[in-house]
């Protein structure tokens, strides 16, 4: 079973909020993979949902100055995703909401 999930995300970084999209494919066993589009870069993600609504992802965050290894832990609260990204000793907050079909189609055309 391959289930798709799409979220509009905001990363609250030291440089200010950064808007992006998270596109996930989810297997029946809870494993996930997909793409995090942020700051003009597409970053592959891998991870897993646990049974309690926690999504843990490992991924890179590409910026103008390089690639940074990152671990994000997101909690599903209703339909919202909230959590933290940890990289290079920093913690930043994530906030996300599900994308509508229309938003998903617009993002895939860009």
PDB file of N, CA and C in Angstrom:
ATOM      1  N   UNK A   1       0.842  -1.179   0.000  1.00  0.00           N
ATOM      2  CA  UNK A   1       0.000   0.000   0.000  1.00  0.00           C
ATOM      3  C   UNK A   1       0.888   1.244   0.000  1.00  0.00           C
ATOM      4  N   UNK A   2       0.757   2.067  -1.015  1.00  0.00           N
ATOM      5  CA  UNK A   2       1.508   3.318  -1.114  1.00  0.00           C
ATOM      6  C   UNK A   2       0.531   4.465  -0.937  1.00  0.00           C
ATOM      7  N   UNK A   3       0.670   5.189   0.196  1.00  0.00           N
ATOM      8  CA  UNK A   3      -0.206   6.309   0.483  1.00  0.00           C
ATOM      9  C   UNK A   3       0.592   7.596   0.316  1.00  0.00           C
ATOM     10  N   UNK A   4       0.015   8.597  -0.339  1.00  0.00           N
ATOM     11  CA  UNK A   4       0.710   9.867  -0.539  1.00  0.00           C
ATOM     12  C   UNK A   4       0.176  10.910   0.429  1.00  0.00           C
ATOM     13  N   UNK A   5       1.097  11.694   0.985  1.00  0.00           N
ATOM     14  CA  UNK A   5       0.739  12.789   1.875  1.00  0.00           C
ATOM     15  C   UNK A   5       1.538  14.018   1.453  1.00  0.00           C
ATOM     16  N   UNK A   6       0.871  15.166   1.429  1.00  0.00           N
ATOM     17  CA  UNK A   6       1.496  16.406   0.972  1.00  0.00           C
ATOM     18  C   UNK A   6       1.205  17.490   2.012  1.00  0.00           C
ATOM     19  N   UNK A   7       2.262  18.174   2.443  1.00  0.00           N
ATOM     20  CA  UNK A   7       2.117  19.211   3.463  1.00  0.00           C
ATOM     21  C   UNK A   7       2.780  20.505   3.014  1.00  0.00           C
ATOM     22  N   UNK A   8       2.139  21.618   3.335  1.00  0.00           N
ATOM     23  CA  UNK A   8       2.733  22.953   3.213  1.00  0.00           C
ATOM     24  C   UNK A   8       3.454  23.171   4.540  1.00  0.00           C
ATOM     25  N   UNK A   9       4.766  23.457   4.498  1.00  0.00           N
ATOM     26  CA  UNK A   9       5.550  23.584   5.727  1.00  0.00           C
ATOM     27  C   UNK A   9       6.198  24.954   5.837  1.00  0.00           C
ATOM     28  N   UNK A  10       6.425  25.372   7.078  1.00  0.00           N
ATOM     29  CA  UNK A  10       7.228  26.554   7.362  1.00  0.00           C
ATOM     30  C   UNK A  10       8.312  26.138   8.342  1.00  0.00           C
ATOM     31  N   UNK A  11       9.564  26.447   7.988  1.00  0.00           N
ATOM     32  CA  UNK A  11      10.697  26.236   8.883  1.00  0.00           C
ATOM     33  C   UNK A  11      11.073  27.595   9.461  1.00  0.00           C
ATOM     34  N   UNK A  12      11.058  27.700  10.777  1.00  0.00           N
ATOM     35  CA  UNK A  12      11.395  28.960  11.441  1.00  0.00           C
ATOM     36  C   UNK A  12      12.891  28.953  11.749  1.00  0.00           C
ATOM     37  N   UNK A  13      13.679  29.467  10.808  1.00  0.00           N
ATOM     38  CA  UNK A  13      15.140  29.436  10.907  1.00  0.00           C
ATOM     39  C   UNK A  13      15.664  30.753  11.474  1.00  0.00           C
ATOM     40  N   UNK A  14      16.983  30.777  11.720  1.00  0.00           N
ATOM     41  CA  UNK A  14      17.628  31.997  12.220  1.00  0.00           C
ATOM     42  C   UNK A  14      17.530  33.117  11.192  1.00  0.00           C
ATOM     43  N   UNK A  15      17.328  32.770   9.932  1.00  0.00           N
ATOM     44  CA  UNK A  15      17.227  33.753   8.852  1.00  0.00           C
ATOM     45  C   UNK A  15      15.773  34.159   8.588  1.00  0.00           C
ATOM     46  N   UNK A  16      14.860  33.729   9.450  1.00  0.00           N
ATOM     47  CA  UNK A  16      13.451  34.025   9.266  1.00  0.00           C
ATOM     48  C   UNK A  16      12.701  32.809   8.750  1.00  0.00           C
ATOM     49  N   UNK A  17      11.386  32.907   8.651  1.00  0.00           N
ATOM     50  CA  UNK A  17      10.572  31.769   8.197  1.00  0.00           C
ATOM     51  C   UNK A  17      10.866  31.419   6.741  1.00  0.00           C
ATOM     52  N   UNK A  18      10.924  30.137   6.463  1.00  0.00           N
ATOM     53  CA  UNK A  18      11.124  29.615   5.114  1.00  0.00           C
ATOM     54  C   UNK A  18       9.952  28.710   4.783  1.00  0.00           C
ATOM     55  N   UNK A  19       9.269  29.026   3.674  1.00  0.00           N
ATOM     56  CA  UNK A  19       8.113  28.250   3.236  1.00  0.00           C
ATOM     57  C   UNK A  19       8.562  27.105   2.343  1.00  0.00           C
ATOM     58  N   UNK A  20       7.892  25.969   2.463  1.00  0.00           N
ATOM     59  CA  UNK A  20       8.231  24.831   1.623  1.00  0.00           C
ATOM     60  C   UNK A  20       7.106  23.819   1.565  1.00  0.00           C
ATOM     61  N   UNK A  21       7.394  22.697   0.915  1.00  0.00           N
ATOM     62  CA  UNK A  21       6.422  21.610   0.755  1.00  0.00           C
ATOM     63  C   UNK A  21       7.101  20.285   1.071  1.00  0.00           C
ATOM     64  N   UNK A  22       6.354  19.395   1.690  1.00  0.00           N
ATOM     65  CA  UNK A  22       6.824  18.051   1.989  1.00  0.00           C
ATOM     66  C   UNK A  22       5.903  17.073   1.274  1.00  0.00           C
ATOM     67  N   UNK A  23       6.486  16.275   0.383  1.00  0.00           N
ATOM     68  CA  UNK A  23       5.740  15.267  -0.368  1.00  0.00           C
ATOM     69  C   UNK A  23       6.208  13.906   0.110  1.00  0.00           C
ATOM     70  N   UNK A  24       5.309  13.124   0.689  1.00  0.00           N
ATOM     71  CA  UNK A  24       5.673  11.827   1.263  1.00  0.00           C
ATOM     72  C   UNK A  24       4.915  10.687   0.608  1.00  0.00           C
ATOM     73  N   UNK A  25       5.598   9.563   0.499  1.00  0.00           N
ATOM     74  CA  UNK A  25       4.981   8.284   0.162  1.00  0.00           C
ATOM     75  C   UNK A  25       5.110   7.439   1.424  1.00  0.00           C
ATOM     76  N   UNK A  26       4.032   6.741   1.777  1.00  0.00           N
ATOM     77  CA  UNK A  26       4.018   5.976   3.023  1.00  0.00           C
ATOM     78  C   UNK A  26       3.633   4.542   2.735  1.00  0.00           C
ATOM     79  N   UNK A  27       4.465   3.604   3.211  1.00  0.00           N
ATOM     80  CA  UNK A  27       4.152   2.173   3.101  1.00  0.00           C
ATOM     81  C   UNK A  27       3.288   1.742   4.274  1.00  0.00           C
ATOM     82  N   UNK A  28       2.687   0.575   4.151  1.00  0.00           N
ATOM     83  CA  UNK A  28       1.855   0.030   5.222  1.00  0.00           C
ATOM     84  C   UNK A  28       2.608  -0.198   6.518  1.00  0.00           C
ATOM     85  N   UNK A  29       3.932  -0.382   6.448  1.00  0.00           N
ATOM     86  CA  UNK A  29       4.720  -0.612   7.664  1.00  0.00           C
ATOM     87  C   UNK A  29       5.139   0.687   8.354  1.00  0.00           C
ATOM     88  N   UNK A  30       4.742   1.840   7.804  1.00  0.00           N
ATOM     89  CA  UNK A  30       5.064   3.133   8.407  1.00  0.00           C
ATOM     90  C   UNK A  30       6.290   3.806   7.829  1.00  0.00           C
ATOM     91  N   UNK A  31       7.045   3.106   6.971  1.00  0.00           N
ATOM     92  CA  UNK A  31       8.225   3.757   6.386  1.00  0.00           C
ATOM     93  C   UNK A  31       7.781   4.793   5.353  1.00  0.00           C
ATOM     94  N   UNK A  32       8.545   5.882   5.275  1.00  0.00           N
ATOM     95  CA  UNK A  32       8.207   6.976   4.365  1.00  0.00           C
ATOM     96  C   UNK A  32       9.448   7.395   3.580  1.00  0.00           C
ATOM     97  N   UNK A  33       9.215   7.972   2.418  1.00  0.00           N
ATOM     98  CA  UNK A  33      10.260   8.569   1.594  1.00  0.00           C
ATOM     99  C   UNK A  33       9.605   9.640   0.762  1.00  0.00           C
ATOM    100  N   UNK A  34      10.396  10.569   0.290  1.00  0.00           N
ATOM    101  CA  UNK A  34       9.823  11.622  -0.532  1.00  0.00           C
ATOM    102  C   UNK A  34      10.773  12.782  -0.711  1.00  0.00           C
ATOM    103  N   UNK A  35      10.192  13.983  -0.819  1.00  0.00           N
ATOM    104  CA  UNK A  35      10.957  15.189  -1.123  1.00  0.00           C
ATOM    105  C   UNK A  35      10.499  16.344  -0.239  1.00  0.00           C
ATOM    106  N   UNK A  36      11.472  17.048   0.289  1.00  0.00           N
ATOM    107  CA  UNK A  36      11.235  18.297   1.005  1.00  0.00           C
ATOM    108  C   UNK A  36      11.730  19.415   0.098  1.00  0.00           C
ATOM    109  N   UNK A  37      10.816  20.237  -0.394  1.00  0.00           N
ATOM    110  CA  UNK A  37      11.175  21.386  -1.245  1.00  0.00           C
ATOM    111  C   UNK A  37      11.202  22.616  -0.362  1.00  0.00           C
ATOM    112  N   UNK A  38      12.385  23.221  -0.238  1.00  0.00           N
ATOM    113  CA  UNK A  38      12.558  24.353   0.668  1.00  0.00           C
ATOM    114  C   UNK A  38      13.661  25.264   0.142  1.00  0.00           C
ATOM    115  N   UNK A  39      13.409  26.553   0.148  1.00  0.00           N
ATOM    116  CA  UNK A  39      14.404  27.557  -0.252  1.00  0.00           C
ATOM    117  C   UNK A  39      14.946  27.306  -1.661  1.00  0.00           C
ATOM    118  N   UNK A  40      14.084  26.824  -2.550  1.00  0.00           N
ATOM    119  CA  UNK A  40      14.482  26.604  -3.933  1.00  0.00           C
ATOM    120  C   UNK A  40      15.208  25.301  -4.202  1.00  0.00           C
ATOM    121  N   UNK A  41      15.308  24.432  -3.198  1.00  0.00           N
ATOM    122  CA  UNK A  41      16.006  23.161  -3.348  1.00  0.00           C
ATOM    123  C   UNK A  41      15.080  21.998  -3.013  1.00  0.00           C
ATOM    124  N   UNK A  42      15.251  20.892  -3.735  1.00  0.00           N
ATOM    125  CA  UNK A  42      14.530  19.650  -3.431  1.00  0.00           C
ATOM    126  C   UNK A  42      15.479  18.721  -2.684  1.00  0.00           C
ATOM    127  N   UNK A  43      15.085  18.341  -1.471  1.00  0.00           N
ATOM    128  CA  UNK A  43      15.902  17.494  -0.608  1.00  0.00           C
ATOM    129  C   UNK A  43      15.210  16.152  -0.413  1.00  0.00           C
ATOM    130  N   UNK A  44      15.858  15.026  -0.781  1.00  0.00           N
ATOM    131  CA  UNK A  44      15.245  13.719  -0.534  1.00  0.00           C
ATOM    132  C   UNK A  44      15.135  13.469   0.971  1.00  0.00           C
ATOM    133  N   UNK A  45      14.032  12.835   1.385  1.00  0.00           N
ATOM    134  CA  UNK A  45      13.816  12.495   2.796  1.00  0.00           C
ATOM    135  C   UNK A  45      13.495  11.010   2.917  1.00  0.00           C
ATOM    136  N   UNK A  46      13.867  10.437   4.069  1.00  0.00           N
ATOM    137  CA  UNK A  46      13.524   9.061   4.418  1.00  0.00           C
ATOM    138  C   UNK A  46      13.188   9.051   5.906  1.00  0.00           C
ATOM    139  N   UNK A  47      12.330   8.145   6.297  1.00  0.00           N
ATOM    140  CA  UNK A  47      12.015   8.060   7.707  1.00  0.00           C
ATOM    141  C   UNK A  47      10.884   7.109   7.983  1.00  0.00           C
ATOM    142  N   UNK A  48      10.175   7.373   9.100  1.00  0.00           N
ATOM    143  CA  UNK A  48       9.097   6.478   9.515  1.00  0.00           C
ATOM    144  C   UNK A  48       8.101   7.207  10.404  1.00  0.00           C
ATOM    145  N   UNK A  49       6.841   6.775  10.288  1.00  0.00           N
ATOM    146  CA  UNK A  49       5.784   7.153  11.224  1.00  0.00           C
ATOM    147  C   UNK A  49       5.771   6.076  12.295  1.00  0.00           C
ATOM    148  N   UNK A  50       5.661   6.459  13.553  1.00  0.00           N
ATOM    149  CA  UNK A  50       5.457   5.448  14.586  1.00  0.00           C
ATOM    150  C   UNK A  50       3.961   5.317  14.834  1.00  0.00           C
ATOM    151  N   UNK A  51       3.557   4.473  15.719  1.00  0.00           N
ATOM    152  CA  UNK A  51       2.138   4.249  15.968  1.00  0.00           C
ATOM    153  C   UNK A  51       1.445   5.385  16.702  1.00  0.00           C
ATOM    154  N   UNK A  52       2.205   6.359  17.209  1.00  0.00           N
ATOM    155  CA  UNK A  52       1.618   7.434  18.016  1.00  0.00           C
ATOM    156  C   UNK A  52       1.562   8.772  17.285  1.00  0.00           C
ATOM    157  N   UNK A  53       1.710   8.772  15.951  1.00  0.00           N
ATOM    158  CA  UNK A  53       1.614  10.016  15.188  1.00  0.00           C
ATOM    159  C   UNK A  53       2.888  10.835  15.156  1.00  0.00           C
ATOM    160  N   UNK A  54       4.051  10.187  15.368  1.00  0.00           N
ATOM    161  CA  UNK A  54       5.335  10.889  15.310  1.00  0.00           C
ATOM    162  C   UNK A  54       6.048  10.476  14.027  1.00  0.00           C
ATOM    163  N   UNK A  55       6.458  11.469  13.252  1.00  0.00           N
ATOM    164  CA  UNK A  55       7.191  11.264  12.008  1.00  0.00           C
ATOM    165  C   UNK A  55       8.638  11.687  12.238  1.00  0.00           C
ATOM    166  N   UNK A  56       9.568  10.763  12.032  1.00  0.00           N
ATOM    167  CA  UNK A  56      10.995  11.065  12.157  1.00  0.00           C
ATOM    168  C   UNK A  56      11.612  10.956  10.775  1.00  0.00           C
ATOM    169  N   UNK A  57      12.280  12.015  10.326  1.00  0.00           N
ATOM    170  CA  UNK A  57      12.886  12.062   8.998  1.00  0.00           C
ATOM    171  C   UNK A  57      14.372  12.356   9.094  1.00  0.00           C
ATOM    172  N   UNK A  58      15.147  11.731   8.227  1.00  0.00           N
ATOM    173  CA  UNK A  58      16.538  12.120   8.034  1.00  0.00           C
ATOM    174  C   UNK A  58      16.644  12.656   6.619  1.00  0.00           C
ATOM    175  N   UNK A  59      17.352  13.765   6.478  1.00  0.00           N
ATOM    176  CA  UNK A  59      17.436  14.420   5.182  1.00  0.00           C
ATOM    177  C   UNK A  59      18.534  15.466   5.210  1.00  0.00           C
ATOM    178  N   UNK A  60      18.841  15.986   4.050  1.00  0.00           N
ATOM    179  CA  UNK A  60      19.738  17.134   3.945  1.00  0.00           C
ATOM    180  C   UNK A  60      18.891  18.386   3.839  1.00  0.00           C
ATOM    181  N   UNK A  61      19.456  19.481   4.279  1.00  0.00           N
ATOM    182  CA  UNK A  61      18.883  20.796   3.986  1.00  0.00           C
ATOM    183  C   UNK A  61      19.928  21.525   3.163  1.00  0.00           C
ATOM    184  N   UNK A  62      19.626  21.708   1.912  1.00  0.00           N
ATOM    185  CA  UNK A  62      20.547  22.395   1.003  1.00  0.00           C
ATOM    186  C   UNK A  62      20.276  23.890   1.087  1.00  0.00           C
ATOM    187  N   UNK A  63      21.343  24.648   1.196  1.00  0.00           N
ATOM    188  CA  UNK A  63      21.244  26.106   1.214  1.00  0.00           C
ATOM    189  C   UNK A  63      22.256  26.664   0.221  1.00  0.00           C
ATOM    190  N   UNK A  64      22.310  27.957   0.100  1.00  0.00           N
ATOM    191  CA  UNK A  64      23.263  28.591  -0.809  1.00  0.00           C
ATOM    192  C   UNK A  64      24.705  28.323  -0.388  1.00  0.00           C
ATOM    193  N   UNK A  65      24.933  28.007   0.890  1.00  0.00           N
ATOM    194  CA  UNK A  65      26.300  27.784   1.370  1.00  0.00           C
ATOM    195  C   UNK A  65      26.659  26.311   1.542  1.00  0.00           C
ATOM    196  N   UNK A  66      25.741  25.393   1.232  1.00  0.00           N
ATOM    197  CA  UNK A  66      26.091  23.974   1.310  1.00  0.00           C
ATOM    198  C   UNK A  66      24.954  23.085   1.745  1.00  0.00           C
ATOM    199  N   UNK A  67      25.288  21.795   1.877  1.00  0.00           N
ATOM    200  CA  UNK A  67      24.353  20.766   2.346  1.00  0.00           C
ATOM    201  C   UNK A  67      24.574  20.525   3.832  1.00  0.00           C
ATOM    202  N   UNK A  68      23.480  20.389   4.586  1.00  0.00           N
ATOM    203  CA  UNK A  68      23.570  20.155   6.021  1.00  0.00           C
ATOM    204  C   UNK A  68      22.746  18.920   6.370  1.00  0.00           C
ATOM    205  N   UNK A  69      23.369  17.955   7.040  1.00  0.00           N
ATOM    206  CA  UNK A  69      22.636  16.775   7.495  1.00  0.00           C
ATOM    207  C   UNK A  69      21.630  17.220   8.555  1.00  0.00           C
ATOM    208  N   UNK A  70      20.420  16.687   8.474  1.00  0.00           N
ATOM    209  CA  UNK A  70      19.340  17.149   9.347  1.00  0.00           C
ATOM    210  C   UNK A  70      18.495  15.966   9.801  1.00  0.00           C
ATOM    211  N   UNK A  71      17.976  16.084  11.006  1.00  0.00           N
ATOM    212  CA  UNK A  71      17.001  15.133  11.534  1.00  0.00           C
ATOM    213  C   UNK A  71      15.803  15.946  11.987  1.00  0.00           C
ATOM    214  N   UNK A  72      14.625  15.597  11.464  1.00  0.00           N
ATOM    215  CA  UNK A  72      13.399  16.298  11.834  1.00  0.00           C
ATOM    216  C   UNK A  72      12.466  15.329  12.542  1.00  0.00           C
ATOM    217  N   UNK A  73      11.884  15.792  13.640  1.00  0.00           N
ATOM    218  CA  UNK A  73      10.892  15.015  14.372  1.00  0.00           C
ATOM    219  C   UNK A  73       9.616  15.847  14.395  1.00  0.00           C
ATOM    220  N   UNK A  74       8.567  15.303  13.774  1.00  0.00           N
ATOM    221  CA  UNK A  74       7.296  16.016  13.620  1.00  0.00           C
ATOM    222  C   UNK A  74       6.182  15.227  14.288  1.00  0.00           C
ATOM    223  N   UNK A  75       5.301  15.933  14.950  1.00  0.00           N
ATOM    224  CA  UNK A  75       4.159  15.322  15.630  1.00  0.00           C
ATOM    225  C   UNK A  75       2.887  15.722  14.898  1.00  0.00           C
ATOM    226  N   UNK A  76       2.051  14.759  14.612  1.00  0.00           N
ATOM    227  CA  UNK A  76       0.767  15.031  13.983  1.00  0.00           C
ATOM    228  C   UNK A  76      -0.223  15.386  15.081  1.00  0.00           C
ATOM    229  N   UNK A  77      -0.731  16.633  15.035  1.00  0.00           N
ATOM    230  CA  UNK A  77      -1.711  17.122  16.015  1.00  0.00           C
ATOM    231  C   UNK A  77      -2.956  17.503  15.235  1.00  0.00           C
ATOM    232  N   UNK A  78      -3.954  16.621  15.215  1.00  0.00           N
ATOM    233  CA  UNK A  78      -5.099  16.811  14.339  1.00  0.00           C
ATOM    234  C   UNK A  78      -4.607  16.613  12.919  1.00  0.00           C
ATOM    235  N   UNK A  79      -4.692  17.660  12.093  1.00  0.00           N
ATOM    236  CA  UNK A  79      -4.144  17.590  10.741  1.00  0.00           C
ATOM    237  C   UNK A  79      -2.830  18.353  10.618  1.00  0.00           C
ATOM    238  N   UNK A  80      -2.405  19.019  11.695  1.00  0.00           N
ATOM    239  CA  UNK A  80      -1.193  19.842  11.644  1.00  0.00           C
ATOM    240  C   UNK A  80       0.042  19.032  12.033  1.00  0.00           C
ATOM    241  N   UNK A  81       1.163  19.373  11.386  1.00  0.00           N
ATOM    242  CA  UNK A  81       2.467  18.830  11.767  1.00  0.00           C
ATOM    243  C   UNK A  81       3.215  19.917  12.523  1.00  0.00           C
ATOM    244  N   UNK A  82       3.771  19.546  13.667  1.00  0.00           N
ATOM    245  CA  UNK A  82       4.596  20.467  14.446  1.00  0.00           C
ATOM    246  C   UNK A  82       5.817  19.691  14.915  1.00  0.00           C
ATOM    247  N   UNK A  83       6.944  20.367  14.964  1.00  0.00           N
ATOM    248  CA  UNK A  83       8.127  19.667  15.437  1.00  0.00           C
ATOM    249  C   UNK A  83       9.377  20.500  15.303  1.00  0.00           C
ATOM    250  N   UNK A  84      10.514  19.793  15.299  1.00  0.00           N
ATOM    251  CA  UNK A  84      11.806  20.462  15.246  1.00  0.00           C
ATOM    252  C   UNK A  84      12.710  19.823  14.197  1.00  0.00           C
ATOM    253  N   UNK A  85      13.569  20.645  13.665  1.00  0.00           N
ATOM    254  CA  UNK A  85      14.657  20.205  12.796  1.00  0.00           C
ATOM    255  C   UNK A  85      15.945  20.425  13.585  1.00  0.00           C
ATOM    256  N   UNK A  86      16.822  19.434  13.574  1.00  0.00           N
ATOM    257  CA  UNK A  86      18.101  19.545  14.275  1.00  0.00           C
ATOM    258  C   UNK A  86      19.220  19.410  13.262  1.00  0.00           C
ATOM    259  N   UNK A  87      20.072  20.444  13.184  1.00  0.00           N
ATOM    260  CA  UNK A  87      21.229  20.391  12.297  1.00  0.00           C
ATOM    261  C   UNK A  87      22.330  21.282  12.822  1.00  0.00           C
ATOM    262  N   UNK A  88      23.545  20.807  12.686  1.00  0.00           N
ATOM    263  CA  UNK A  88      24.729  21.583  13.090  1.00  0.00           C
ATOM    264  C   UNK A  88      24.589  22.168  14.494  1.00  0.00           C
ATOM    265  N   UNK A  89      23.973  21.431  15.410  1.00  0.00           N
ATOM    266  CA  UNK A  89      23.824  21.910  16.781  1.00  0.00           C
ATOM    267  C   UNK A  89      22.691  22.894  16.997  1.00  0.00           C
ATOM    268  N   UNK A  90      21.914  23.189  15.958  1.00  0.00           N
ATOM    269  CA  UNK A  90      20.786  24.120  16.062  1.00  0.00           C
ATOM    270  C   UNK A  90      19.470  23.355  16.047  1.00  0.00           C
ATOM    271  N   UNK A  91      18.474  23.923  16.694  1.00  0.00           N
ATOM    272  CA  UNK A  91      17.107  23.390  16.641  1.00  0.00           C
ATOM    273  C   UNK A  91      16.204  24.487  16.092  1.00  0.00           C
ATOM    274  N   UNK A  92      15.409  24.114  15.094  1.00  0.00           N
ATOM    275  CA  UNK A  92      14.474  25.064  14.495  1.00  0.00           C
ATOM    276  C   UNK A  92      13.091  24.434  14.497  1.00  0.00           C
ATOM    277  N   UNK A  93      12.073  25.248  14.549  1.00  0.00           N
ATOM    278  CA  UNK A  93      10.695  24.747  14.598  1.00  0.00           C
ATOM    279  C   UNK A  93      10.100  24.575  13.205  1.00  0.00           C
ATOM    280  N   UNK A  94       9.306  23.516  13.054  1.00  0.00           N
ATOM    281  CA  UNK A  94       8.508  23.254  11.855  1.00  0.00           C
ATOM    282  C   UNK A  94       7.038  23.458  12.193  1.00  0.00           C
ATOM    283  N   UNK A  95       6.278  23.901  11.219  1.00  0.00           N
ATOM    284  CA  UNK A  95       4.815  23.916  11.308  1.00  0.00           C
ATOM    285  C   UNK A  95       4.290  23.588   9.922  1.00  0.00           C
ATOM    286  N   UNK A  96       3.317  22.684   9.841  1.00  0.00           N
ATOM    287  CA  UNK A  96       2.792  22.316   8.535  1.00  0.00           C
ATOM    288  C   UNK A  96       1.323  21.964   8.564  1.00  0.00           C
ATOM    289  N   UNK A  97       0.684  22.127   7.404  1.00  0.00           N
ATOM    290  CA  UNK A  97      -0.713  21.763   7.220  1.00  0.00           C
ATOM    291  C   UNK A  97      -0.842  20.971   5.918  1.00  0.00           C
ATOM    292  N   UNK A  98      -1.849  20.107   5.836  1.00  0.00           N
ATOM    293  CA  UNK A  98      -2.040  19.348   4.594  1.00  0.00           C
ATOM    294  C   UNK A  98      -2.309  20.287   3.426  1.00  0.00           C
ATOM    295  N   UNK A  99      -1.797  19.916   2.269  1.00  0.00           N
ATOM    296  CA  UNK A  99      -2.044  20.698   1.063  1.00  0.00           C
ATOM    297  C   UNK A  99      -3.333  20.223   0.415  1.00  0.00           C
ATOM    298  N   UNK A 100      -4.052  21.160  -0.178  1.00  0.00           N
ATOM    299  CA  UNK A 100      -5.234  20.792  -0.949  1.00  0.00           C
ATOM    300  C   UNK A 100      -4.774  20.184  -2.274  1.00  0.00           C
ATOM    301  N   UNK A 101      -5.684  19.514  -2.973  1.00  0.00           N
ATOM    302  CA  UNK A 101      -5.351  18.957  -4.286  1.00  0.00           C
ATOM    303  C   UNK A 101      -4.872  20.047  -5.232  1.00  0.00           C
ATOM    304  N   UNK A 102      -5.522  21.206  -5.170  1.00  0.00           N
ATOM    305  CA  UNK A 102      -5.156  22.332  -6.031  1.00  0.00           C
ATOM    306  C   UNK A 102      -3.731  22.810  -5.733  1.00  0.00           C
ATOM    307  N   UNK A 103      -3.357  22.937  -4.455  1.00  0.00           N
ATOM    308  CA  UNK A 103      -2.005  23.344  -4.084  1.00  0.00           C
ATOM    309  C   UNK A 103      -0.983  22.311  -4.555  1.00  0.00           C
ATOM    310  N   UNK A 104      -1.322  21.031  -4.424  1.00  0.00           N
ATOM    311  CA  UNK A 104      -0.418  19.966  -4.845  1.00  0.00           C
ATOM    312  C   UNK A 104      -0.167  20.034  -6.339  1.00  0.00           C
ATOM    313  N   UNK A 105      -1.236  20.248  -7.122  1.00  0.00           N
ATOM    314  CA  UNK A 105      -1.088  20.354  -8.575  1.00  0.00           C
ATOM    315  C   UNK A 105      -0.249  21.561  -8.963  1.00  0.00           C
ATOM    316  N   UNK A 106      -0.444  22.698  -8.286  1.00  0.00           N
ATOM    317  CA  UNK A 106       0.345  23.898  -8.572  1.00  0.00           C
ATOM    318  C   UNK A 106       1.818  23.660  -8.270  1.00  0.00           C
ATOM    319  N   UNK A 107       2.128  22.993  -7.177  1.00  0.00           N
ATOM    320  CA  UNK A 107       3.516  22.725  -6.808  1.00  0.00           C
ATOM    321  C   UNK A 107       4.172  21.791  -7.797  1.00  0.00           C
ATOM    322  N   UNK A 108       3.452  20.825  -8.315  1.00  0.00           N
ATOM    323  CA  UNK A 108       4.058  19.875  -9.251  1.00  0.00           C
ATOM    324  C   UNK A 108       4.333  20.528 -10.611  1.00  0.00           C
ATOM    325  N   UNK A 109       3.654  21.617 -10.913  1.00  0.00           N
ATOM    326  CA  UNK A 109       3.886  22.324 -12.187  1.00  0.00           C
ATOM    327  C   UNK A 109       5.076  23.266 -12.114  1.00  0.00           C
ATOM    328  N   UNK A 110       5.485  23.678 -10.918  1.00  0.00           N
ATOM    329  CA  UNK A 110       6.564  24.675 -10.770  1.00  0.00           C
ATOM    330  C   UNK A 110       7.908  24.074 -11.105  1.00  0.00           C
TER     331      UNK A 110
END
